[in-house]
Amino acid sequence: MLVLFAVLTVAVSGEGLRRLKLNDLEVFSKNKGLNVILVKRQRAEELETTLADLGRVFEGIVKIAEIDYSDDLPHEYKSRHYPSIKLLSDGGRSIVTYTKPTDRASLYNNILSFLGDITKRKFESTPLVEDDSHVVILDDSNFTSTIRSSQHHYLVDFYAPWCGFCQALEPEWIEAAKLLRGKAKLAKVNCDTNKHLAKVFNIRSYPTVNYFPPGSTNLQTAAFKYKGRRNAQAIVSFVESMIQKLAKPSEFVHITSHSDLERKCFSKRLCVIVVFPNRQESDSNEWNNYINIMKKVIDTEKQTGVGWVWIEGKHDYQFEFSFGIHEYPTLMIVNYKLKTFHTMRDTFTFASIKQFLASRWSKSVQAKTISGEIPSFKDAKKWDRSEF
């Protein structure tokens, strides 16, 4: 109890709670894990201080913010009484009104309890992956939650353990899963123990392989039967062709606000950030050259779930300092979920960037860890492509 009391009495920083505007709400709600929002009509100084304290206690685990009530506030954030505390999880799909005591100890214990519930649900619904095989094991309990609305390409092997053709496919399936890591996911369903799934997808012979494109909501109508050869090379070629066929052209986005950064970069599996020289130390021709190089790189990349963005250097020193940036242009790959990044140290050319990205995709480059929270990115002026 002494330790708990000491933790809870840590003084909050001068910044207090993060203040949200209406247009920040959607992005904030989609942060992974647990998010807490204080909705208020007027100052609630004691509660604001308590939540700001807890924001430091749960730093890196729970995001806590405040927003002023307005008639335009979405219905699910409104309450009969204010101030009101909303607990958001599941990427904003679950929004619960906190109705328990609001003293520090009660809020601390109840947030801990809520975190435990989230972790338990996540553990129970998380698909199992075989050691070293990268093959996702699906069953009646996790099939729908894993594939529906997923941003991954899924190829699912519906098999029976006693089937000789299934046994012959298994090593090829494992090899294909390794080769497609980072691009698509390969999974399997044991139809002997998951007869309901076999019935839903009308599985009449083994193995039956179904492809599910990203964003599939009606899985029965989205399922597409794979009819190619049953070897790793053919499977990989098929998946890569589907990725290319369905891929939306990636954009190279100029980031001018923190909400842009969260939406276009930090929400992605990986994000490539390029920091241009400040316009006072460069010119528009140089910037256009960097943009053209990056567009050429993006057009030749097949990785999915990657954000491609750029910012002007020496605009936000605190943000750049968190990544150790001291020269321009700088290109880095950020994994926001793992709080790691890789920085390219070579010249800024198409060939060197491609080589660096290839080493990153194969994980042969050592990652650096981001210490602490990434500072909020300061608003910047959008470049209209005019000369300077």
Protein backbone atom coordinates (compact mmCIF):
# COMPACT_ATOMS: atom_id res chain seq x y z
CA MET A 1 0.00 0.00 0.00
CA LEU A 2 2.90 2.38 0.72
CA VAL A 3 4.23 1.85 -2.80
CA LEU A 4 0.79 2.46 -4.30
CA PHE A 5 0.37 5.67 -2.28
CA ALA A 6 3.78 6.91 -3.37
CA VAL A 7 2.96 6.27 -7.00
CA LEU A 8 -0.38 8.01 -6.79
CA THR A 9 1.04 11.14 -5.17
CA VAL A 10 3.54 11.87 -7.94
CA ALA A 11 3.04 15.48 -9.02
CA VAL A 12 1.54 15.98 -12.46
CA SER A 13 3.48 17.92 -15.08
CA GLY A 14 2.45 21.43 -15.92
CA GLU A 15 0.88 20.23 -19.15
CA GLY A 16 -2.01 18.48 -17.37
CA LEU A 17 -4.53 16.51 -19.42
CA ARG A 18 -4.39 16.46 -23.18
CA ARG A 19 -7.21 18.65 -24.47
CA LEU A 20 -9.14 17.22 -27.40
CA LYS A 21 -11.16 19.01 -30.06
CA LEU A 22 -14.05 17.35 -31.88
CA ASN A 23 -11.93 16.57 -34.93
CA ASP A 24 -9.35 14.82 -32.68
CA LEU A 25 -11.91 12.47 -31.14
CA GLU A 26 -12.00 9.78 -33.84
CA VAL A 27 -8.22 9.45 -34.05
CA PHE A 28 -7.81 9.41 -30.24
CA SER A 29 -10.52 6.77 -29.80
CA LYS A 30 -8.70 4.42 -32.17
CA ASN A 31 -5.54 4.31 -30.05
CA LYS A 32 -4.84 0.72 -29.10
CA GLY A 33 -5.49 -0.44 -25.53
CA LEU A 34 -7.49 1.62 -23.03
CA ASN A 35 -8.31 5.30 -23.56
CA VAL A 36 -10.00 7.52 -20.98
CA ILE A 37 -11.87 10.73 -21.85
CA LEU A 38 -13.21 13.25 -19.35
CA VAL A 39 -16.27 15.01 -20.83
CA LYS A 40 -17.16 18.23 -19.00
CA ARG A 41 -19.39 21.27 -19.32
CA GLN A 42 -17.28 23.38 -16.95
CA ARG A 43 -14.04 23.16 -14.97
CA ALA A 44 -13.75 20.07 -12.75
CA GLU A 45 -10.42 20.97 -11.21
CA GLU A 46 -10.15 18.16 -8.66
CA LEU A 47 -11.11 15.44 -11.14
CA GLU A 48 -8.85 16.92 -13.84
CA THR A 49 -5.91 16.86 -11.41
CA THR A 50 -6.68 13.27 -10.40
CA LEU A 51 -6.84 12.10 -14.01
CA ALA A 52 -3.69 14.03 -14.89
CA ASP A 53 -1.93 12.24 -12.01
CA LEU A 54 -3.16 8.89 -13.29
CA GLY A 55 -2.05 9.82 -16.80
CA ARG A 56 1.51 9.87 -15.48
CA VAL A 57 1.07 6.67 -13.47
CA PHE A 58 -0.25 4.82 -16.54
CA GLU A 59 2.04 6.58 -19.05
CA GLY A 60 2.58 4.37 -22.10
CA ILE A 61 -0.28 2.07 -21.02
CA VAL A 62 -3.43 4.21 -20.84
CA LYS A 63 -4.08 7.46 -22.72
CA ILE A 64 -6.14 10.02 -20.79
CA ALA A 65 -7.59 13.23 -22.24
CA GLU A 66 -10.40 15.73 -21.77
CA ILE A 67 -12.95 17.32 -24.08
CA ASP A 68 -15.54 20.06 -23.58
CA TYR A 69 -19.19 19.15 -24.07
CA SER A 70 -20.90 20.45 -27.20
CA ASP A 71 -24.12 19.62 -29.02
CA ASP A 72 -22.00 18.20 -31.85
CA LEU A 73 -20.42 15.61 -29.56
CA PRO A 74 -21.25 12.08 -30.83
CA HIS A 75 -24.15 10.49 -28.94
CA GLU A 76 -22.03 7.73 -27.39
CA TYR A 77 -19.91 10.35 -25.58
CA LYS A 78 -22.88 12.14 -24.03
CA SER A 79 -24.25 11.45 -20.53
CA ARG A 80 -27.08 12.53 -18.28
CA HIS A 81 -24.68 14.12 -15.81
CA TYR A 82 -21.35 15.94 -16.14
CA PRO A 83 -18.45 15.70 -15.67
CA SER A 84 -18.52 12.22 -17.16
CA ILE A 85 -15.70 9.72 -17.71
CA LYS A 86 -15.74 7.46 -20.78
CA LEU A 87 -13.62 4.31 -21.03
CA LEU A 88 -12.77 3.40 -24.64
CA SER A 89 -11.30 0.13 -25.84
CA ASP A 90 -11.24 -2.09 -28.91
CA GLY A 91 -10.21 0.80 -31.16
CA GLY A 92 -13.21 2.88 -30.11
CA ARG A 93 -15.74 0.11 -30.77
CA SER A 94 -16.42 -0.22 -27.03
CA ILE A 95 -17.34 2.95 -25.10
CA VAL A 96 -18.37 2.55 -21.45
CA THR A 97 -19.47 5.23 -18.99
CA TYR A 98 -17.50 5.05 -15.74
CA THR A 99 -19.99 5.05 -12.84
CA LYS A 100 -17.81 4.21 -9.83
CA PRO A 101 -16.15 6.55 -7.27
CA THR A 102 -13.76 9.14 -8.69
CA ASP A 103 -11.21 9.46 -5.89
CA ARG A 104 -7.64 8.59 -6.86
CA ALA A 105 -7.48 5.14 -5.31
CA SER A 106 -10.84 4.05 -6.76
CA LEU A 107 -10.04 5.32 -10.25
CA TYR A 108 -6.60 3.69 -10.11
CA ASN A 109 -7.98 0.31 -9.03
CA ASN A 110 -10.88 0.37 -11.48
CA ILE A 111 -8.66 1.34 -14.42
CA LEU A 112 -6.35 -1.54 -13.47
CA SER A 113 -9.35 -3.88 -13.35
CA PHE A 114 -10.60 -2.65 -16.73
CA LEU A 115 -7.12 -3.17 -18.20
CA GLY A 116 -7.16 -6.72 -16.87
CA ASP A 117 -10.51 -7.39 -18.55
CA ILE A 118 -9.20 -6.05 -21.88
CA THR A 119 -6.07 -8.20 -21.63
CA LYS A 120 -8.13 -11.28 -20.82
CA ARG A 121 -10.48 -10.73 -23.78
CA LYS A 122 -7.53 -10.12 -26.08
CA PHE A 123 -5.78 -13.28 -24.88
CA GLU A 124 -8.91 -15.39 -25.36
CA SER A 125 -9.52 -14.06 -28.89
CA THR A 126 -5.92 -13.92 -30.12
CA PRO A 127 -5.13 -16.54 -32.77
CA LEU A 128 -2.38 -18.96 -31.86
CA VAL A 129 0.71 -19.13 -34.05
CA GLU A 130 2.83 -22.24 -34.28
CA ASP A 131 6.46 -21.87 -33.17
CA ASP A 132 8.70 -20.78 -36.06
CA SER A 133 6.01 -21.52 -38.67
CA HIS A 134 4.21 -18.13 -38.87
CA VAL A 135 0.99 -20.06 -39.58
CA VAL A 136 -2.05 -18.72 -37.70
CA ILE A 137 -4.21 -21.42 -36.10
CA LEU A 138 -7.92 -20.61 -36.36
CA ASP A 139 -10.95 -22.30 -34.81
CA ASP A 140 -14.62 -21.65 -34.07
CA SER A 141 -13.75 -19.23 -31.26
CA ASN A 142 -11.42 -16.87 -33.13
CA PHE A 143 -12.03 -17.26 -36.88
CA THR A 144 -14.50 -14.41 -37.34
CA SER A 145 -12.83 -11.98 -34.91
CA THR A 146 -9.45 -12.57 -36.58
CA ILE A 147 -10.40 -12.23 -40.24
CA ARG A 148 -13.47 -9.97 -40.35
CA SER A 149 -12.47 -6.38 -41.20
CA SER A 150 -8.79 -7.33 -40.90
CA GLN A 151 -6.34 -5.23 -42.90
CA HIS A 152 -4.34 -8.35 -43.78
CA HIS A 153 -4.64 -10.65 -46.76
CA TYR A 154 -5.57 -14.11 -45.39
CA LEU A 155 -5.14 -17.48 -47.07
CA VAL A 156 -6.77 -20.24 -45.01
CA ASP A 157 -6.13 -23.97 -45.33
CA PHE A 158 -9.19 -26.02 -44.32
CA TYR A 159 -7.69 -29.45 -43.65
CA ALA A 160 -8.20 -32.80 -41.92
CA PRO A 161 -5.28 -34.33 -39.95
CA TRP A 162 -5.77 -37.79 -41.53
CA CYS A 163 -5.73 -36.44 -45.12
CA GLY A 164 -2.58 -37.41 -47.06
CA PHE A 165 -2.84 -34.43 -49.43
CA CYS A 166 -3.11 -32.13 -46.38
CA GLN A 167 0.01 -33.67 -44.86
CA ALA A 168 1.88 -33.10 -48.13
CA LEU A 169 0.76 -29.45 -48.22
CA GLU A 170 1.87 -28.67 -44.65
CA PRO A 171 5.63 -28.05 -45.22
CA GLU A 172 4.85 -25.98 -48.33
CA TRP A 173 2.31 -23.99 -46.32
CA ILE A 174 4.84 -23.26 -43.58
CA GLU A 175 7.46 -22.19 -46.13
CA ALA A 176 4.97 -19.90 -47.91
CA ALA A 177 3.97 -18.34 -44.57
CA LYS A 178 7.61 -17.49 -43.86
CA LEU A 179 8.12 -15.99 -47.32
CA LEU A 180 4.96 -13.89 -47.03
CA ARG A 181 5.64 -12.59 -43.52
CA GLY A 182 4.84 -8.88 -43.40
CA LYS A 183 2.80 -9.08 -46.62
CA ALA A 184 0.00 -11.55 -45.83
CA LYS A 185 -1.04 -14.14 -43.26
CA LEU A 186 -1.47 -17.87 -43.84
CA ALA A 187 -3.76 -19.75 -41.49
CA LYS A 188 -5.26 -23.21 -41.06
CA VAL A 189 -8.45 -24.74 -39.67
CA ASN A 190 -8.74 -28.34 -38.47
CA CYS A 191 -12.13 -29.32 -39.88
CA ASP A 192 -12.34 -32.46 -37.71
CA THR A 193 -12.56 -30.34 -34.57
CA ASN A 194 -14.26 -27.30 -36.13
CA LYS A 195 -17.16 -28.84 -38.03
CA HIS A 196 -19.24 -25.66 -37.79
CA LEU A 197 -16.67 -23.68 -39.80
CA ALA A 198 -16.42 -26.49 -42.34
CA LYS A 199 -20.20 -26.32 -42.78
CA VAL A 200 -20.32 -22.51 -42.99
CA PHE A 201 -17.75 -22.47 -45.81
CA ASN A 202 -19.13 -25.57 -47.52
CA ILE A 203 -15.88 -27.54 -47.22
CA ARG A 204 -16.41 -30.86 -49.03
CA SER A 205 -12.86 -31.95 -49.82
CA TYR A 206 -9.44 -31.59 -48.22
CA PRO A 207 -7.42 -29.52 -48.38
CA THR A 208 -9.59 -26.58 -49.43
CA VAL A 209 -7.79 -23.23 -49.49
CA ASN A 210 -9.80 -20.00 -49.33
CA TYR A 211 -8.49 -16.47 -49.83
CA PHE A 212 -10.02 -13.57 -47.85
CA PRO A 213 -9.13 -10.03 -49.03
CA PRO A 214 -8.46 -7.22 -46.52
CA GLY A 215 -11.52 -5.51 -45.09
CA SER A 216 -13.82 -8.51 -45.63
CA THR A 217 -17.02 -8.11 -43.61
CA ASN A 218 -19.23 -10.89 -45.01
CA LEU A 219 -16.74 -13.75 -44.87
CA GLN A 220 -18.94 -16.28 -46.68
CA THR A 221 -19.32 -14.11 -49.77
CA ALA A 222 -15.75 -12.78 -49.58
CA ALA A 223 -14.13 -16.24 -49.58
CA PHE A 224 -12.37 -17.01 -52.87
CA LYS A 225 -11.21 -20.58 -53.53
CA TYR A 226 -7.54 -21.00 -54.43
CA LYS A 227 -7.16 -23.45 -57.33
CA GLY A 228 -3.43 -23.15 -57.98
CA ARG A 229 -0.62 -25.61 -57.41
CA ARG A 230 0.10 -26.74 -53.86
CA ASN A 231 3.69 -25.63 -53.48
CA ALA A 232 5.21 -22.63 -51.69
CA GLN A 233 6.28 -20.82 -54.85
CA ALA A 234 2.81 -21.02 -56.43
CA ILE A 235 1.10 -19.98 -53.20
CA VAL A 236 3.41 -16.98 -52.77
CA SER A 237 2.93 -15.94 -56.41
CA PHE A 238 -0.85 -16.10 -56.02
CA VAL A 239 -0.90 -14.00 -52.86
CA GLU A 240 1.50 -11.40 -54.29
CA SER A 241 -0.65 -11.11 -57.40
CA MET A 242 -3.73 -10.49 -55.22
CA ILE A 243 -1.84 -7.91 -53.17
CA GLN A 244 -0.83 -6.07 -56.34
CA LYS A 245 -4.31 -6.35 -57.83
CA LEU A 246 -6.08 -4.97 -54.75
CA ALA A 247 -3.45 -2.50 -53.61
CA LYS A 248 -4.46 1.13 -53.40
CA PRO A 249 -1.76 3.53 -54.60
CA SER A 250 0.23 4.73 -51.58
CA GLU A 251 0.61 8.47 -51.10
CA PHE A 252 3.63 10.41 -49.90
CA VAL A 253 1.92 12.71 -47.41
CA HIS A 254 3.12 16.07 -46.05
CA ILE A 255 2.43 15.99 -42.29
CA THR A 256 1.27 19.32 -40.87
CA SER A 257 -0.41 18.30 -37.58
CA HIS A 258 -0.25 15.64 -34.88
CA SER A 259 -3.62 14.23 -35.95
CA ASP A 260 -2.19 13.81 -39.49
CA LEU A 261 0.76 11.96 -37.98
CA GLU A 262 -1.46 9.60 -35.98
CA ARG A 263 -3.82 8.91 -38.88
CA LYS A 264 -1.33 8.61 -41.76
CA CYS A 265 1.68 7.21 -39.89
CA PHE A 266 1.34 5.90 -36.34
CA SER A 267 -1.84 3.93 -37.10
CA LYS A 268 0.09 1.85 -39.67
CA ARG A 269 2.05 -1.36 -39.12
CA LEU A 270 5.20 0.55 -40.10
CA CYS A 271 5.77 4.13 -41.20
CA VAL A 272 8.51 5.65 -43.35
CA ILE A 273 9.19 9.25 -42.28
CA VAL A 274 11.40 11.54 -44.35
CA VAL A 275 12.61 14.80 -42.80
CA PHE A 276 13.40 17.42 -45.46
CA PRO A 277 15.85 20.29 -44.95
CA ASN A 278 14.20 23.46 -43.68
CA ARG A 279 13.02 25.65 -46.56
CA GLN A 280 15.35 28.43 -45.42
CA GLU A 281 18.28 26.07 -46.06
CA SER A 282 16.93 24.51 -49.26
CA ASP A 283 14.80 25.30 -52.30
CA SER A 284 11.67 23.96 -53.98
CA ASN A 285 13.66 22.10 -56.65
CA GLU A 286 15.45 20.10 -53.96
CA TRP A 287 12.18 19.28 -52.21
CA ASN A 288 10.58 18.20 -55.49
CA ASN A 289 13.57 15.96 -56.18
CA TYR A 290 13.13 14.21 -52.80
CA ILE A 291 9.40 13.79 -53.48
CA ASN A 292 10.03 12.29 -56.93
CA ILE A 293 12.59 9.84 -55.52
CA MET A 294 10.17 8.73 -52.81
CA LYS A 295 7.26 8.34 -55.24
CA LYS A 296 9.46 6.10 -57.39
CA VAL A 297 10.38 4.07 -54.28
CA ILE A 298 6.74 3.76 -53.21
CA ASP A 299 5.65 2.61 -56.67
CA THR A 300 8.13 -0.29 -56.52
CA GLU A 301 7.31 -1.43 -52.96
CA LYS A 302 4.92 -4.33 -52.31
CA GLN A 303 4.80 -4.08 -48.51
CA THR A 304 1.30 -3.54 -47.12
CA GLY A 305 0.23 -1.57 -44.06
CA VAL A 306 3.02 1.00 -44.47
CA GLY A 307 2.61 4.78 -44.15
CA TRP A 308 4.80 7.12 -46.23
CA VAL A 309 5.08 10.69 -44.91
CA TRP A 310 7.41 13.69 -44.83
CA ILE A 311 7.92 16.70 -42.59
CA GLU A 312 9.95 19.90 -42.81
CA GLY A 313 13.13 19.79 -40.74
CA LYS A 314 13.93 22.25 -37.94
CA HIS A 315 10.22 22.98 -37.55
CA ASP A 316 9.74 20.93 -34.36
CA TYR A 317 13.05 20.39 -32.58
CA GLN A 318 11.52 18.41 -29.71
CA PHE A 319 9.92 15.91 -32.08
CA GLU A 320 13.14 15.52 -34.09
CA PHE A 321 15.22 15.17 -30.91
CA SER A 322 13.18 12.12 -29.85
CA PHE A 323 14.49 10.36 -32.98
CA GLY A 324 18.03 11.74 -32.80
CA ILE A 325 17.72 13.69 -36.07
CA HIS A 326 20.58 16.12 -36.71
CA GLU A 327 21.07 16.10 -40.48
CA TYR A 328 18.83 16.48 -43.54
CA PRO A 329 17.33 14.81 -45.40
CA THR A 330 16.82 11.92 -42.96
CA LEU A 331 14.80 8.80 -43.71
CA MET A 332 13.64 6.48 -40.95
CA ILE A 333 11.22 3.59 -40.45
CA VAL A 334 9.09 3.80 -37.30
CA ASN A 335 7.20 1.00 -35.57
CA TYR A 336 4.91 3.03 -33.32
CA LYS A 337 3.44 -0.04 -31.62
CA LEU A 338 6.88 -1.33 -30.54
CA LYS A 339 8.30 2.21 -30.05
CA THR A 340 11.30 1.40 -32.26
CA PHE A 341 12.87 3.05 -35.31
CA HIS A 342 15.62 2.57 -37.89
CA THR A 343 17.50 5.47 -39.51
CA MET A 344 19.14 5.35 -42.94
CA ARG A 345 22.73 6.63 -42.85
CA ASP A 346 23.42 6.49 -46.60
CA THR A 347 22.99 9.14 -49.31
CA PHE A 348 19.42 9.96 -50.30
CA THR A 349 19.16 8.09 -53.62
CA PHE A 350 16.64 5.64 -55.04
CA ALA A 351 19.18 2.77 -54.89
CA SER A 352 20.30 3.41 -51.31
CA ILE A 353 16.72 3.79 -50.06
CA LYS A 354 15.67 0.52 -51.73
CA GLN A 355 18.67 -1.25 -50.19
CA PHE A 356 17.89 0.16 -46.74
CA LEU A 357 14.21 -0.83 -46.96
CA ALA A 358 15.12 -4.35 -48.09
CA SER A 359 17.38 -4.75 -45.05
CA ARG A 360 14.59 -3.47 -42.79
CA TRP A 361 11.94 -5.76 -44.26
CA SER A 362 14.31 -8.69 -43.66
CA LYS A 363 15.02 -7.35 -40.13
CA SER A 364 18.78 -7.36 -40.65
CA VAL A 365 19.14 -3.80 -39.32
CA GLN A 366 19.30 -3.21 -35.56
CA ALA A 367 16.38 -1.12 -34.26
CA LYS A 368 16.70 1.77 -31.83
CA THR A 369 14.18 2.29 -29.04
CA ILE A 370 12.21 5.49 -28.60
CA SER A 371 12.65 6.57 -24.98
CA GLY A 372 9.46 7.88 -23.39
CA GLU A 373 6.42 9.24 -25.20
CA ILE A 374 6.81 10.78 -28.65
CA PRO A 375 6.09 14.51 -28.24
CA SER A 376 3.02 15.94 -29.93
CA PHE A 377 3.93 17.27 -33.38
CA LYS A 378 3.52 21.04 -33.76
CA ASP A 379 1.18 22.32 -36.46
CA ALA A 380 2.97 23.29 -39.67
CA LYS A 381 2.07 25.17 -42.84
CA LYS A 382 1.05 23.04 -45.81
CA TRP A 383 3.33 23.42 -48.82
CA ASP A 384 1.37 24.43 -51.93
CA ARG A 385 4.19 23.30 -54.26
CA SER A 386 5.08 26.92 -55.04
CA GLU A 387 8.70 27.95 -55.52
CA PHE A 388 10.72 29.29 -52.60
